[in-house]
PDB file of N, CA and C in Angstrom:
ATOM      1  N   GLN A   1       0.829  -1.181   0.000  1.00  0.00           N
ATOM      2  CA  GLN A   1       0.000   0.000   0.000  1.00  0.00           C
ATOM      3  C   GLN A   1       0.877   1.250   0.000  1.00  0.00           C
ATOM      4  N   VAL A   2       0.229   2.383  -0.243  1.00  0.00           N
ATOM      5  CA  VAL A   2       0.955   3.644  -0.303  1.00  0.00           C
ATOM      6  C   VAL A   2       1.471   4.007   1.085  1.00  0.00           C
ATOM      7  N   GLN A   3       2.742   4.359   1.126  1.00  0.00           N
ATOM      8  CA  GLN A   3       3.339   4.858   2.364  1.00  0.00           C
ATOM      9  C   GLN A   3       4.110   6.127   2.070  1.00  0.00           C
ATOM     10  N   LEU A   4       3.899   7.115   2.924  1.00  0.00           N
ATOM     11  CA  LEU A   4       4.623   8.378   2.850  1.00  0.00           C
ATOM     12  C   LEU A   4       5.199   8.648   4.228  1.00  0.00           C
ATOM     13  N   VAL A   5       6.505   8.758   4.323  1.00  0.00           N
ATOM     14  CA  VAL A   5       7.157   8.943   5.612  1.00  0.00           C
ATOM     15  C   VAL A   5       7.981  10.224   5.571  1.00  0.00           C
ATOM     16  N   GLU A   6       7.516  11.205   6.336  1.00  0.00           N
ATOM     17  CA  GLU A   6       8.223  12.482   6.402  1.00  0.00           C
ATOM     18  C   GLU A   6       9.288  12.447   7.485  1.00  0.00           C
ATOM     19  N   SER A   7      10.333  13.226   7.291  1.00  0.00           N
ATOM     20  CA  SER A   7      11.395  13.355   8.284  1.00  0.00           C
ATOM     21  C   SER A   7      12.078  14.699   8.088  1.00  0.00           C
ATOM     22  N   GLY A   8      12.897  15.071   9.064  1.00  0.00           N
ATOM     23  CA  GLY A   8      13.678  16.298   8.953  1.00  0.00           C
ATOM     24  C   GLY A   8      13.170  17.472   9.760  1.00  0.00           C
ATOM     25  N   GLY A   9      12.017  17.313  10.384  1.00  0.00           N
ATOM     26  CA  GLY A   9      11.502  18.393  11.198  1.00  0.00           C
ATOM     27  C   GLY A   9      12.303  18.567  12.476  1.00  0.00           C
ATOM     28  N   GLY A  10      11.994  19.643  13.197  1.00  0.00           N
ATOM     29  CA  GLY A  10      12.673  19.885  14.457  1.00  0.00           C
ATOM     30  C   GLY A  10      12.466  21.301  14.938  1.00  0.00           C
ATOM     31  N   LEU A  11      13.279  21.685  15.905  1.00  0.00           N
ATOM     32  CA  LEU A  11      13.236  23.023  16.492  1.00  0.00           C
ATOM     33  C   LEU A  11      14.402  23.835  15.939  1.00  0.00           C
ATOM     34  N   VAL A  12      14.086  25.020  15.447  1.00  0.00           N
ATOM     35  CA  VAL A  12      15.111  25.874  14.856  1.00  0.00           C
ATOM     36  C   VAL A  12      14.809  27.321  15.207  1.00  0.00           C
ATOM     37  N   GLN A  13      15.846  28.134  15.295  1.00  0.00           N
ATOM     38  CA  GLN A  13      15.648  29.557  15.567  1.00  0.00           C
ATOM     39  C   GLN A  13      15.219  30.282  14.304  1.00  0.00           C
ATOM     40  N   ALA A  14      14.539  31.374  14.484  1.00  0.00           N
ATOM     41  CA  ALA A  14      14.132  32.200  13.348  1.00  0.00           C
ATOM     42  C   ALA A  14      15.363  32.572  12.521  1.00  0.00           C
ATOM     43  N   GLY A  15      15.191  32.491  11.203  1.00  0.00           N
ATOM     44  CA  GLY A  15      16.307  32.743  10.297  1.00  0.00           C
ATOM     45  C   GLY A  15      17.066  31.493   9.899  1.00  0.00           C
ATOM     46  N   GLY A  16      16.795  30.400  10.589  1.00  0.00           N
ATOM     47  CA  GLY A  16      17.487  29.155  10.299  1.00  0.00           C
ATOM     48  C   GLY A  16      16.872  28.386   9.153  1.00  0.00           C
ATOM     49  N   SER A  17      17.408  27.190   8.928  1.00  0.00           N
ATOM     50  CA  SER A  17      16.979  26.358   7.801  1.00  0.00           C
ATOM     51  C   SER A  17      16.722  24.931   8.258  1.00  0.00           C
ATOM     52  N   LEU A  18      15.851  24.279   7.532  1.00  0.00           N
ATOM     53  CA  LEU A  18      15.604  22.857   7.688  1.00  0.00           C
ATOM     54  C   LEU A  18      15.336  22.266   6.310  1.00  0.00           C
ATOM     55  N   ARG A  19      15.624  20.967   6.182  1.00  0.00           N
ATOM     56  CA  ARG A  19      15.297  20.251   4.953  1.00  0.00           C
ATOM     57  C   ARG A  19      14.434  19.054   5.298  1.00  0.00           C
ATOM     58  N   LEU A  20      13.209  19.083   4.817  1.00  0.00           N
ATOM     59  CA  LEU A  20      12.283  17.977   5.032  1.00  0.00           C
ATOM     60  C   LEU A  20      12.399  16.981   3.882  1.00  0.00           C
ATOM     61  N   SER A  21      12.195  15.716   4.226  1.00  0.00           N
ATOM     62  CA  SER A  21      12.164  14.655   3.224  1.00  0.00           C
ATOM     63  C   SER A  21      10.870  13.873   3.364  1.00  0.00           C
ATOM     64  N   CYS A  22      10.417  13.334   2.264  1.00  0.00           N
ATOM     65  CA  CYS A  22       9.242  12.468   2.264  1.00  0.00           C
ATOM     66  C   CYS A  22       9.576  11.255   1.398  1.00  0.00           C
ATOM     67  N   ALA A  23       9.755  10.123   2.053  1.00  0.00           N
ATOM     68  CA  ALA A  23      10.068   8.876   1.342  1.00  0.00           C
ATOM     69  C   ALA A  23       8.766   8.167   0.995  1.00  0.00           C
ATOM     70  N   ALA A  24       8.592   7.856  -0.285  1.00  0.00           N
ATOM     71  CA  ALA A  24       7.345   7.278  -0.765  1.00  0.00           C
ATOM     72  C   ALA A  24       7.543   5.844  -1.234  1.00  0.00           C
ATOM     73  N   SER A  25       6.510   5.049  -1.079  1.00  0.00           N
ATOM     74  CA  SER A  25       6.540   3.675  -1.567  1.00  0.00           C
ATOM     75  C   SER A  25       5.124   3.197  -1.834  1.00  0.00           C
ATOM     76  N   GLY A  26       5.011   2.126  -2.633  1.00  0.00           N
ATOM     77  CA  GLY A  26       3.718   1.511  -2.874  1.00  0.00           C
ATOM     78  C   GLY A  26       2.955   2.049  -4.065  1.00  0.00           C
ATOM     79  N   PHE A  27       3.567   2.901  -4.855  1.00  0.00           N
ATOM     80  CA  PHE A  27       2.919   3.414  -6.051  1.00  0.00           C
ATOM     81  C   PHE A  27       3.998   3.893  -7.025  1.00  0.00           C
ATOM     82  N   ALA A  28       3.585   4.211  -8.245  1.00  0.00           N
ATOM     83  CA  ALA A  28       4.521   4.663  -9.286  1.00  0.00           C
ATOM     84  C   ALA A  28       4.860   6.133  -9.061  1.00  0.00           C
ATOM     85  N   PHE A  29       5.810   6.356  -8.194  1.00  0.00           N
ATOM     86  CA  PHE A  29       6.146   7.714  -7.731  1.00  0.00           C
ATOM     87  C   PHE A  29       6.368   8.685  -8.873  1.00  0.00           C
ATOM     88  N   SER A  30       7.090   8.288  -9.883  1.00  0.00           N
ATOM     89  CA  SER A  30       7.479   9.221 -10.953  1.00  0.00           C
ATOM     90  C   SER A  30       6.306   9.664 -11.822  1.00  0.00           C
ATOM     91  N   MET A  31       5.132   9.102 -11.627  1.00  0.00           N
ATOM     92  CA  MET A  31       3.971   9.478 -12.433  1.00  0.00           C
ATOM     93  C   MET A  31       3.090  10.527 -11.758  1.00  0.00           C
ATOM     94  N   TYR A  32       3.325  10.805 -10.497  1.00  0.00           N
ATOM     95  CA  TYR A  32       2.408  11.647  -9.730  1.00  0.00           C
ATOM     96  C   TYR A  32       3.052  12.937  -9.244  1.00  0.00           C
ATOM     97  N   SER A  33       2.249  13.993  -9.273  1.00  0.00           N
ATOM     98  CA  SER A  33       2.662  15.221  -8.615  1.00  0.00           C
ATOM     99  C   SER A  33       2.657  15.001  -7.107  1.00  0.00           C
ATOM    100  N   MET A  34       3.523  15.744  -6.432  1.00  0.00           N
ATOM    101  CA  MET A  34       3.631  15.648  -4.976  1.00  0.00           C
ATOM    102  C   MET A  34       3.468  17.033  -4.365  1.00  0.00           C
ATOM    103  N   GLY A  35       2.915  17.071  -3.190  1.00  0.00           N
ATOM    104  CA  GLY A  35       2.706  18.347  -2.530  1.00  0.00           C
ATOM    105  C   GLY A  35       3.143  18.322  -1.075  1.00  0.00           C
ATOM    106  N   TRP A  36       3.456  19.494  -0.581  1.00  0.00           N
ATOM    107  CA  TRP A  36       3.684  19.709   0.851  1.00  0.00           C
ATOM    108  C   TRP A  36       2.603  20.662   1.357  1.00  0.00           C
ATOM    109  N   PHE A  37       2.023  20.291   2.477  1.00  0.00           N
ATOM    110  CA  PHE A  37       1.034  21.114   3.157  1.00  0.00           C
ATOM    111  C   PHE A  37       1.471  21.261   4.603  1.00  0.00           C
ATOM    112  N   ARG A  38       0.854  22.184   5.303  1.00  0.00           N
ATOM    113  CA  ARG A  38       1.150  22.338   6.730  1.00  0.00           C
ATOM    114  C   ARG A  38      -0.119  22.674   7.480  1.00  0.00           C
ATOM    115  N   GLN A  39      -0.097  22.310   8.756  1.00  0.00           N
ATOM    116  CA  GLN A  39      -1.244  22.583   9.606  1.00  0.00           C
ATOM    117  C   GLN A  39      -0.767  22.941  10.999  1.00  0.00           C
ATOM    118  N   ALA A  40      -1.149  24.116  11.431  1.00  0.00           N
ATOM    119  CA  ALA A  40      -0.835  24.579  12.781  1.00  0.00           C
ATOM    120  C   ALA A  40      -2.036  24.321  13.675  1.00  0.00           C
ATOM    121  N   PRO A  41      -1.826  24.192  14.982  1.00  0.00           N
ATOM    122  CA  PRO A  41      -2.934  23.939  15.893  1.00  0.00           C
ATOM    123  C   PRO A  41      -4.020  25.001  15.755  1.00  0.00           C
ATOM    124  N   GLY A  42      -5.259  24.555  15.613  1.00  0.00           N
ATOM    125  CA  GLY A  42      -6.381  25.472  15.515  1.00  0.00           C
ATOM    126  C   GLY A  42      -6.566  26.128  14.162  1.00  0.00           C
ATOM    127  N   LYS A  43      -5.734  25.743  13.205  1.00  0.00           N
ATOM    128  CA  LYS A  43      -5.829  26.332  11.877  1.00  0.00           C
ATOM    129  C   LYS A  43      -6.089  25.247  10.839  1.00  0.00           C
ATOM    130  N   GLU A  44      -6.597  25.688   9.701  1.00  0.00           N
ATOM    131  CA  GLU A  44      -6.843  24.748   8.611  1.00  0.00           C
ATOM    132  C   GLU A  44      -5.534  24.373   7.921  1.00  0.00           C
ATOM    133  N   ARG A  45      -5.563  23.228   7.305  1.00  0.00           N
ATOM    134  CA  ARG A  45      -4.420  22.793   6.515  1.00  0.00           C
ATOM    135  C   ARG A  45      -4.218  23.755   5.348  1.00  0.00           C
ATOM    136  N   GLU A  46      -2.993  24.123   5.081  1.00  0.00           N
ATOM    137  CA  GLU A  46      -2.737  25.051   4.002  1.00  0.00           C
ATOM    138  C   GLU A  46      -1.642  24.534   3.063  1.00  0.00           C
ATOM    139  N   PHE A  47      -1.788  24.894   1.825  1.00  0.00           N
ATOM    140  CA  PHE A  47      -0.838  24.530   0.784  1.00  0.00           C
ATOM    141  C   PHE A  47       0.490  25.249   1.024  1.00  0.00           C
ATOM    142  N   VAL A  48       1.591  24.515   0.816  1.00  0.00           N
ATOM    143  CA  VAL A  48       2.918  25.101   0.932  1.00  0.00           C
ATOM    144  C   VAL A  48       3.622  25.095  -0.434  1.00  0.00           C
ATOM    145  N   ALA A  49       3.749  23.903  -1.025  1.00  0.00           N
ATOM    146  CA  ALA A  49       4.469  23.793  -2.299  1.00  0.00           C
ATOM    147  C   ALA A  49       4.072  22.498  -2.980  1.00  0.00           C
ATOM    148  N   ALA A  50       4.231  22.470  -4.294  1.00  0.00           N
ATOM    149  CA  ALA A  50       3.940  21.269  -5.066  1.00  0.00           C
ATOM    150  C   ALA A  50       4.904  21.184  -6.242  1.00  0.00           C
ATOM    151  N   ILE A  51       5.070  19.959  -6.729  1.00  0.00           N
ATOM    152  CA  ILE A  51       5.994  19.731  -7.826  1.00  0.00           C
ATOM    153  C   ILE A  51       5.391  18.719  -8.781  1.00  0.00           C
ATOM    154  N   SER A  52       5.588  18.951 -10.056  1.00  0.00           N
ATOM    155  CA  SER A  52       5.053  18.038 -11.058  1.00  0.00           C
ATOM    156  C   SER A  52       5.803  16.712 -11.024  1.00  0.00           C
ATOM    157  N   GLN A  53       5.274  15.753 -11.751  1.00  0.00           N
ATOM    158  CA  GLN A  53       5.849  14.412 -11.660  1.00  0.00           C
ATOM    159  C   GLN A  53       7.281  14.365 -12.185  1.00  0.00           C
ATOM    160  N   SER A  54       7.619  15.220 -13.112  1.00  0.00           N
ATOM    161  CA  SER A  54       8.968  15.238 -13.665  1.00  0.00           C
ATOM    162  C   SER A  54       9.924  16.105 -12.862  1.00  0.00           C
ATOM    163  N   GLY A  55       9.338  17.010 -12.072  1.00  0.00           N
ATOM    164  CA  GLY A  55      10.153  17.977 -11.343  1.00  0.00           C
ATOM    165  C   GLY A  55      10.387  19.267 -12.103  1.00  0.00           C
ATOM    166  N   TRP A  56       9.855  19.362 -13.311  1.00  0.00           N
ATOM    167  CA  TRP A  56      10.093  20.543 -14.131  1.00  0.00           C
ATOM    168  C   TRP A  56       9.272  21.744 -13.679  1.00  0.00           C
ATOM    169  N   SER A  57       8.114  21.490 -13.074  1.00  0.00           N
ATOM    170  CA  SER A  57       7.239  22.582 -12.655  1.00  0.00           C
ATOM    171  C   SER A  57       7.003  22.527 -11.159  1.00  0.00           C
ATOM    172  N   ALA A  58       6.956  23.707 -10.548  1.00  0.00           N
ATOM    173  CA  ALA A  58       6.697  23.799  -9.116  1.00  0.00           C
ATOM    174  C   ALA A  58       5.796  24.995  -8.847  1.00  0.00           C
ATOM    175  N   ALA A  59       5.140  24.951  -7.718  1.00  0.00           N
ATOM    176  CA  ALA A  59       4.281  26.043  -7.293  1.00  0.00           C
ATOM    177  C   ALA A  59       4.462  26.241  -5.792  1.00  0.00           C
ATOM    178  N   TYR A  60       4.301  27.490  -5.363  1.00  0.00           N
ATOM    179  CA  TYR A  60       4.515  27.827  -3.957  1.00  0.00           C
ATOM    180  C   TYR A  60       3.413  28.740  -3.455  1.00  0.00           C
ATOM    181  N   ALA A  61       3.118  28.625  -2.172  1.00  0.00           N
ATOM    182  CA  ALA A  61       2.266  29.598  -1.523  1.00  0.00           C
ATOM    183  C   ALA A  61       3.023  30.915  -1.446  1.00  0.00           C
ATOM    184  N   ASP A  62       2.283  32.004  -1.501  1.00  0.00           N
ATOM    185  CA  ASP A  62       2.926  33.321  -1.444  1.00  0.00           C
ATOM    186  C   ASP A  62       3.761  33.481  -0.173  1.00  0.00           C
ATOM    187  N   SER A  63       3.288  32.887   0.917  1.00  0.00           N
ATOM    188  CA  SER A  63       3.941  33.063   2.213  1.00  0.00           C
ATOM    189  C   SER A  63       5.313  32.406   2.285  1.00  0.00           C
ATOM    190  N   VAL A  64       5.606  31.476   1.375  1.00  0.00           N
ATOM    191  CA  VAL A  64       6.892  30.771   1.438  1.00  0.00           C
ATOM    192  C   VAL A  64       7.719  30.984   0.179  1.00  0.00           C
ATOM    193  N   ASN A  65       7.149  31.638  -0.802  1.00  0.00           N
ATOM    194  CA  ASN A  65       7.851  31.828  -2.077  1.00  0.00           C
ATOM    195  C   ASN A  65       9.187  32.538  -1.852  1.00  0.00           C
ATOM    196  N   ARG A  66      10.219  32.028  -2.496  1.00  0.00           N
ATOM    197  CA  ARG A  66      11.591  32.550  -2.417  1.00  0.00           C
ATOM    198  C   ARG A  66      12.295  32.214  -1.110  1.00  0.00           C
ATOM    199  N   ARG A  67      11.621  31.507  -0.220  1.00  0.00           N
ATOM    200  CA  ARG A  67      12.278  31.003   1.000  1.00  0.00           C
ATOM    201  C   ARG A  67      12.344  29.478   0.975  1.00  0.00           C
ATOM    202  N   PHE A  68      11.340  28.848   0.416  1.00  0.00           N
ATOM    203  CA  PHE A  68      11.262  27.391   0.386  1.00  0.00           C
ATOM    204  C   PHE A  68      11.486  26.907  -1.045  1.00  0.00           C
ATOM    205  N   THR A  69      12.067  25.723  -1.175  1.00  0.00           N
ATOM    206  CA  THR A  69      12.267  25.108  -2.475  1.00  0.00           C
ATOM    207  C   THR A  69      11.867  23.639  -2.411  1.00  0.00           C
ATOM    208  N   ILE A  70      10.987  23.243  -3.300  1.00  0.00           N
ATOM    209  CA  ILE A  70      10.576  21.846  -3.387  1.00  0.00           C
ATOM    210  C   ILE A  70      11.363  21.176  -4.505  1.00  0.00           C
ATOM    211  N   SER A  71      11.741  19.920  -4.278  1.00  0.00           N
ATOM    212  CA  SER A  71      12.453  19.155  -5.294  1.00  0.00           C
ATOM    213  C   SER A  71      12.110  17.683  -5.107  1.00  0.00           C
ATOM    214  N   ARG A  72      12.497  16.881  -6.083  1.00  0.00           N
ATOM    215  CA  ARG A  72      12.229  15.454  -5.975  1.00  0.00           C
ATOM    216  C   ARG A  72      13.339  14.677  -6.660  1.00  0.00           C
ATOM    217  N   ASP A  73      13.522  13.459  -6.185  1.00  0.00           N
ATOM    218  CA  ASP A  73      14.462  12.524  -6.790  1.00  0.00           C
ATOM    219  C   ASP A  73      13.674  11.266  -7.128  1.00  0.00           C
ATOM    220  N   ASN A  74      13.314  11.122  -8.387  1.00  0.00           N
ATOM    221  CA  ASN A  74      12.474   9.986  -8.769  1.00  0.00           C
ATOM    222  C   ASN A  74      13.212   8.651  -8.659  1.00  0.00           C
ATOM    223  N   ALA A  75      14.529   8.692  -8.687  1.00  0.00           N
ATOM    224  CA  ALA A  75      15.297   7.456  -8.513  1.00  0.00           C
ATOM    225  C   ALA A  75      15.231   6.961  -7.071  1.00  0.00           C
ATOM    226  N   LYS A  76      15.012   7.898  -6.147  1.00  0.00           N
ATOM    227  CA  LYS A  76      14.951   7.547  -4.721  1.00  0.00           C
ATOM    228  C   LYS A  76      13.531   7.588  -4.171  1.00  0.00           C
ATOM    229  N   ASN A  77      12.555   7.885  -5.033  1.00  0.00           N
ATOM    230  CA  ASN A  77      11.152   7.985  -4.590  1.00  0.00           C
ATOM    231  C   ASN A  77      11.017   8.930  -3.399  1.00  0.00           C
ATOM    232  N   THR A  78      11.648  10.071  -3.503  1.00  0.00           N
ATOM    233  CA  THR A  78      11.675  11.005  -2.384  1.00  0.00           C
ATOM    234  C   THR A  78      11.425  12.429  -2.877  1.00  0.00           C
ATOM    235  N   VAL A  79      10.640  13.153  -2.109  1.00  0.00           N
ATOM    236  CA  VAL A  79      10.422  14.577  -2.367  1.00  0.00           C
ATOM    237  C   VAL A  79      10.964  15.352  -1.168  1.00  0.00           C
ATOM    238  N   TYR A  80      11.513  16.519  -1.455  1.00  0.00           N
ATOM    239  CA  TYR A  80      12.169  17.325  -0.430  1.00  0.00           C
ATOM    240  C   TYR A  80      11.532  18.709  -0.337  1.00  0.00           C
ATOM    241  N   LEU A  81      11.714  19.323   0.811  1.00  0.00           N
ATOM    242  CA  LEU A  81      11.329  20.716   0.992  1.00  0.00           C
ATOM    243  C   LEU A  81      12.461  21.407   1.742  1.00  0.00           C
ATOM    244  N   GLN A  82      13.214  22.230   1.037  1.00  0.00           N
ATOM    245  CA  GLN A  82      14.272  23.022   1.654  1.00  0.00           C
ATOM    246  C   GLN A  82      13.654  24.322   2.150  1.00  0.00           C
ATOM    247  N   MET A  83      13.784  24.559   3.441  1.00  0.00           N
ATOM    248  CA  MET A  83      13.167  25.728   4.057  1.00  0.00           C
ATOM    249  C   MET A  83      14.254  26.630   4.614  1.00  0.00           C
ATOM    250  N   ASN A  84      14.355  27.818   4.075  1.00  0.00           N
ATOM    251  CA  ASN A  84      15.340  28.801   4.517  1.00  0.00           C
ATOM    252  C   ASN A  84      14.640  30.018   5.106  1.00  0.00           C
ATOM    253  N   SER A  85      15.399  30.816   5.834  1.00  0.00           N
ATOM    254  CA  SER A  85      14.859  32.047   6.438  1.00  0.00           C
ATOM    255  C   SER A  85      13.560  31.774   7.182  1.00  0.00           C
ATOM    256  N   LEU A  86      13.583  30.759   7.993  1.00  0.00           N
ATOM    257  CA  LEU A  86      12.356  30.350   8.694  1.00  0.00           C
ATOM    258  C   LEU A  86      11.874  31.417   9.665  1.00  0.00           C
ATOM    259  N   LYS A  87      10.555  31.500   9.791  1.00  0.00           N
ATOM    260  CA  LYS A  87       9.904  32.476  10.652  1.00  0.00           C
ATOM    261  C   LYS A  87       9.054  31.735  11.678  1.00  0.00           C
ATOM    262  N   PRO A  88       8.768  32.359  12.817  1.00  0.00           N
ATOM    263  CA  PRO A  88       7.896  31.702  13.803  1.00  0.00           C
ATOM    264  C   PRO A  88       6.554  31.285  13.208  1.00  0.00           C
ATOM    265  N   GLU A  89       6.041  32.046  12.273  1.00  0.00           N
ATOM    266  CA  GLU A  89       4.750  31.703  11.664  1.00  0.00           C
ATOM    267  C   GLU A  89       4.817  30.480  10.745  1.00  0.00           C
ATOM    268  N   ASP A  90       6.017  29.969  10.505  1.00  0.00           N
ATOM    269  CA  ASP A  90       6.160  28.716   9.758  1.00  0.00           C
ATOM    270  C   ASP A  90       5.955  27.493  10.652  1.00  0.00           C
ATOM    271  N   THR A  91       5.822  27.707  11.950  1.00  0.00           N
ATOM    272  CA  THR A  91       5.626  26.602  12.884  1.00  0.00           C
ATOM    273  C   THR A  91       4.343  25.860  12.565  1.00  0.00           C
ATOM    274  N   ALA A  92       4.458  24.551  12.337  1.00  0.00           N
ATOM    275  CA  ALA A  92       3.313  23.714  11.973  1.00  0.00           C
ATOM    276  C   ALA A  92       3.786  22.282  11.797  1.00  0.00           C
ATOM    277  N   LYS A  93       2.828  21.391  11.648  1.00  0.00           N
ATOM    278  CA  LYS A  93       3.145  20.034  11.202  1.00  0.00           C
ATOM    279  C   LYS A  93       3.109  20.057   9.679  1.00  0.00           C
ATOM    280  N   TYR A  94       4.155  19.522   9.077  1.00  0.00           N
ATOM    281  CA  TYR A  94       4.281  19.517   7.621  1.00  0.00           C
ATOM    282  C   TYR A  94       3.997  18.115   7.104  1.00  0.00           C
ATOM    283  N   LEU A  95       3.108  18.040   6.125  1.00  0.00           N
ATOM    284  CA  LEU A  95       2.686  16.759   5.572  1.00  0.00           C
ATOM    285  C   LEU A  95       2.955  16.731   4.069  1.00  0.00           C
ATOM    286  N   CYS A  96       3.386  15.581   3.589  1.00  0.00           N
ATOM    287  CA  CYS A  96       3.482  15.429   2.146  1.00  0.00           C
ATOM    288  C   CYS A  96       2.285  14.624   1.654  1.00  0.00           C
ATOM    289  N   ALA A  97       1.990  14.781   0.377  1.00  0.00           N
ATOM    290  CA  ALA A  97       0.805  14.156  -0.192  1.00  0.00           C
ATOM    291  C   ALA A  97       1.037  13.797  -1.654  1.00  0.00           C
ATOM    292  N   VAL A  98       0.287  12.785  -2.104  1.00  0.00           N
ATOM    293  CA  VAL A  98       0.346  12.313  -3.489  1.00  0.00           C
ATOM    294  C   VAL A  98      -0.908  12.759  -4.212  1.00  0.00           C
ATOM    295  N   SER A  99      -0.749  13.255  -5.439  1.00  0.00           N
ATOM    296  CA  SER A  99      -1.913  13.710  -6.193  1.00  0.00           C
ATOM    297  C   SER A  99      -2.840  12.539  -6.513  1.00  0.00           C
ATOM    298  N   LYS A 100      -4.112  12.849  -6.679  1.00  0.00           N
ATOM    299  CA  LYS A 100      -5.127  11.839  -6.964  1.00  0.00           C
ATOM    300  C   LYS A 100      -4.887  11.157  -8.295  1.00  0.00           C
ATOM    301  N   ARG A 101      -4.339  11.890  -9.229  1.00  0.00           N
ATOM    302  CA  ARG A 101      -4.176  11.358 -10.579  1.00  0.00           C
ATOM    303  C   ARG A 101      -2.807  11.739 -11.117  1.00  0.00           C
ATOM    304  N   PRO A 102      -2.289  10.925 -12.036  1.00  0.00           N
ATOM    305  CA  PRO A 102      -1.020  11.304 -12.667  1.00  0.00           C
ATOM    306  C   PRO A 102      -1.194  12.626 -13.379  1.00  0.00           C
ATOM    307  N   GLY A 103      -0.145  13.439 -13.392  1.00  0.00           N
ATOM    308  CA  GLY A 103      -0.292  14.718 -14.064  1.00  0.00           C
ATOM    309  C   GLY A 103       1.015  15.450 -14.191  1.00  0.00           C
ATOM    310  N   THR A 104       0.977  16.459 -15.020  1.00  0.00           N
ATOM    311  CA  THR A 104       2.171  17.260 -15.281  1.00  0.00           C
ATOM    312  C   THR A 104       2.116  18.603 -14.563  1.00  0.00           C
ATOM    313  N   ARG A 105       1.081  18.810 -13.767  1.00  0.00           N
ATOM    314  CA  ARG A 105       0.938  20.090 -13.076  1.00  0.00           C
ATOM    315  C   ARG A 105       1.195  19.944 -11.588  1.00  0.00           C
ATOM    316  N   PRO A 106       1.767  20.981 -10.972  1.00  0.00           N
ATOM    317  CA  PRO A 106       1.922  20.983  -9.511  1.00  0.00           C
ATOM    318  C   PRO A 106       0.634  21.451  -8.853  1.00  0.00           C
ATOM    319  N   PHE A 107      -0.264  20.518  -8.567  1.00  0.00           N
ATOM    320  CA  PHE A 107      -1.578  20.855  -8.043  1.00  0.00           C
ATOM    321  C   PHE A 107      -1.474  21.559  -6.693  1.00  0.00           C
ATOM    322  N   GLN A 108      -2.334  22.568  -6.490  1.00  0.00           N
ATOM    323  CA  GLN A 108      -2.227  23.384  -5.283  1.00  0.00           C
ATOM    324  C   GLN A 108      -3.366  23.203  -4.296  1.00  0.00           C
ATOM    325  N   GLY A 109      -4.406  22.519  -4.714  1.00  0.00           N
ATOM    326  CA  GLY A 109      -5.531  22.325  -3.810  1.00  0.00           C
ATOM    327  C   GLY A 109      -5.425  21.040  -3.035  1.00  0.00           C
ATOM    328  N   SER A 110      -5.813  21.057  -1.764  1.00  0.00           N
ATOM    329  CA  SER A 110      -5.749  19.832  -0.975  1.00  0.00           C
ATOM    330  C   SER A 110      -6.684  18.771  -1.541  1.00  0.00           C
ATOM    331  N   ASP A 111      -7.747  19.189  -2.215  1.00  0.00           N
ATOM    332  CA  ASP A 111      -8.677  18.238  -2.837  1.00  0.00           C
ATOM    333  C   ASP A 111      -8.052  17.493  -4.006  1.00  0.00           C
ATOM    334  N   ASP A 112      -6.909  17.978  -4.473  1.00  0.00           N
ATOM    335  CA  ASP A 112      -6.205  17.298  -5.564  1.00  0.00           C
ATOM    336  C   ASP A 112      -5.356  16.132  -5.066  1.00  0.00           C
ATOM    337  N   TYR A 113      -5.298  15.945  -3.763  1.00  0.00           N
ATOM    338  CA  TYR A 113      -4.463  14.913  -3.160  1.00  0.00           C
ATOM    339  C   TYR A 113      -5.329  13.982  -2.329  1.00  0.00           C
ATOM    340  N   ASP A 114      -4.972  12.707  -2.354  1.00  0.00           N
ATOM    341  CA  ASP A 114      -5.793  11.763  -1.597  1.00  0.00           C
ATOM    342  C   ASP A 114      -4.991  10.782  -0.759  1.00  0.00           C
ATOM    343  N   ARG A 115      -3.687  10.928  -0.720  1.00  0.00           N
ATOM    344  CA  ARG A 115      -2.861  10.069   0.123  1.00  0.00           C
ATOM    345  C   ARG A 115      -1.874  10.973   0.852  1.00  0.00           C
ATOM    346  N   TRP A 116      -1.840  10.807   2.179  1.00  0.00           N
ATOM    347  CA  TRP A 116      -1.117  11.733   3.032  1.00  0.00           C
ATOM    348  C   TRP A 116      -0.183  10.988   3.974  1.00  0.00           C
ATOM    349  N   GLY A 117       0.928  11.648   4.294  1.00  0.00           N
ATOM    350  CA  GLY A 117       1.796  11.122   5.324  1.00  0.00           C
ATOM    351  C   GLY A 117       1.315  11.551   6.696  1.00  0.00           C
ATOM    352  N   GLN A 118       2.037  11.103   7.729  1.00  0.00           N
ATOM    353  CA  GLN A 118       1.669  11.442   9.102  1.00  0.00           C
ATOM    354  C   GLN A 118       2.176  12.813   9.512  1.00  0.00           C
ATOM    355  N   GLY A 119       3.185  13.306   8.812  1.00  0.00           N
ATOM    356  CA  GLY A 119       3.672  14.634   9.091  1.00  0.00           C
ATOM    357  C   GLY A 119       4.918  14.665   9.963  1.00  0.00           C
ATOM    358  N   THR A 120       5.616  15.793   9.892  1.00  0.00           N
ATOM    359  CA  THR A 120       6.781  16.038  10.740  1.00  0.00           C
ATOM    360  C   THR A 120       6.656  17.460  11.292  1.00  0.00           C
ATOM    361  N   GLN A 121       6.921  17.612  12.565  1.00  0.00           N
ATOM    362  CA  GLN A 121       6.720  18.888  13.244  1.00  0.00           C
ATOM    363  C   GLN A 121       7.904  19.825  13.007  1.00  0.00           C
ATOM    364  N   VAL A 122       7.577  21.042  12.657  1.00  0.00           N
ATOM    365  CA  VAL A 122       8.572  22.108  12.529  1.00  0.00           C
ATOM    366  C   VAL A 122       8.208  23.212  13.507  1.00  0.00           C
ATOM    367  N   THR A 123       9.141  23.563  14.373  1.00  0.00           N
ATOM    368  CA  THR A 123       8.912  24.616  15.344  1.00  0.00           C
ATOM    369  C   THR A 123      10.015  25.652  15.200  1.00  0.00           C
ATOM    370  N   VAL A 124       9.601  26.891  14.986  1.00  0.00           N
ATOM    371  CA  VAL A 124      10.557  27.984  14.794  1.00  0.00           C
ATOM    372  C   VAL A 124      10.420  28.938  15.978  1.00  0.00           C
ATOM    373  N   SER A 125      11.486  29.121  16.705  1.00  0.00           N
ATOM    374  CA  SER A 125      11.465  30.011  17.859  1.00  0.00           C
ATOM    375  C   SER A 125      11.920  31.409  17.458  1.00  0.00           C
ATOM    376  N   ALA A 126      11.348  32.389  18.156  1.00  0.00           N
ATOM    377  CA  ALA A 126      11.668  33.789  17.827  1.00  0.00           C
ATOM    378  C   ALA A 126      13.068  34.167  18.299  1.00  0.00           C
TER     379      ALA A 126
END
């Protein structure tokens, strides 16, 4: 079955960096777009970044654009999220997700994804 295992979260000071990884298995990874979302306590899940199945196209939320970079290694079935210049408002659980259908677009809506990991916690201190 589909498995998504996130790692790389932790506690970091504002201005610092973290690199999240999401190891995928149980499906044809290279055919699907992948996304990163985040959810803070008491808030709705929000889109962070997405990448097309080839890695040629990416999309970002305005709040993270030019600070975060999404990438993927189809040989390793892994998607990454490099997070730089972290802010306290970036504190959340970060989840990776697989798109519902194969595609060439970096889908941005949570409804476009139907398989989710358990998430990794990112905490940014002021």
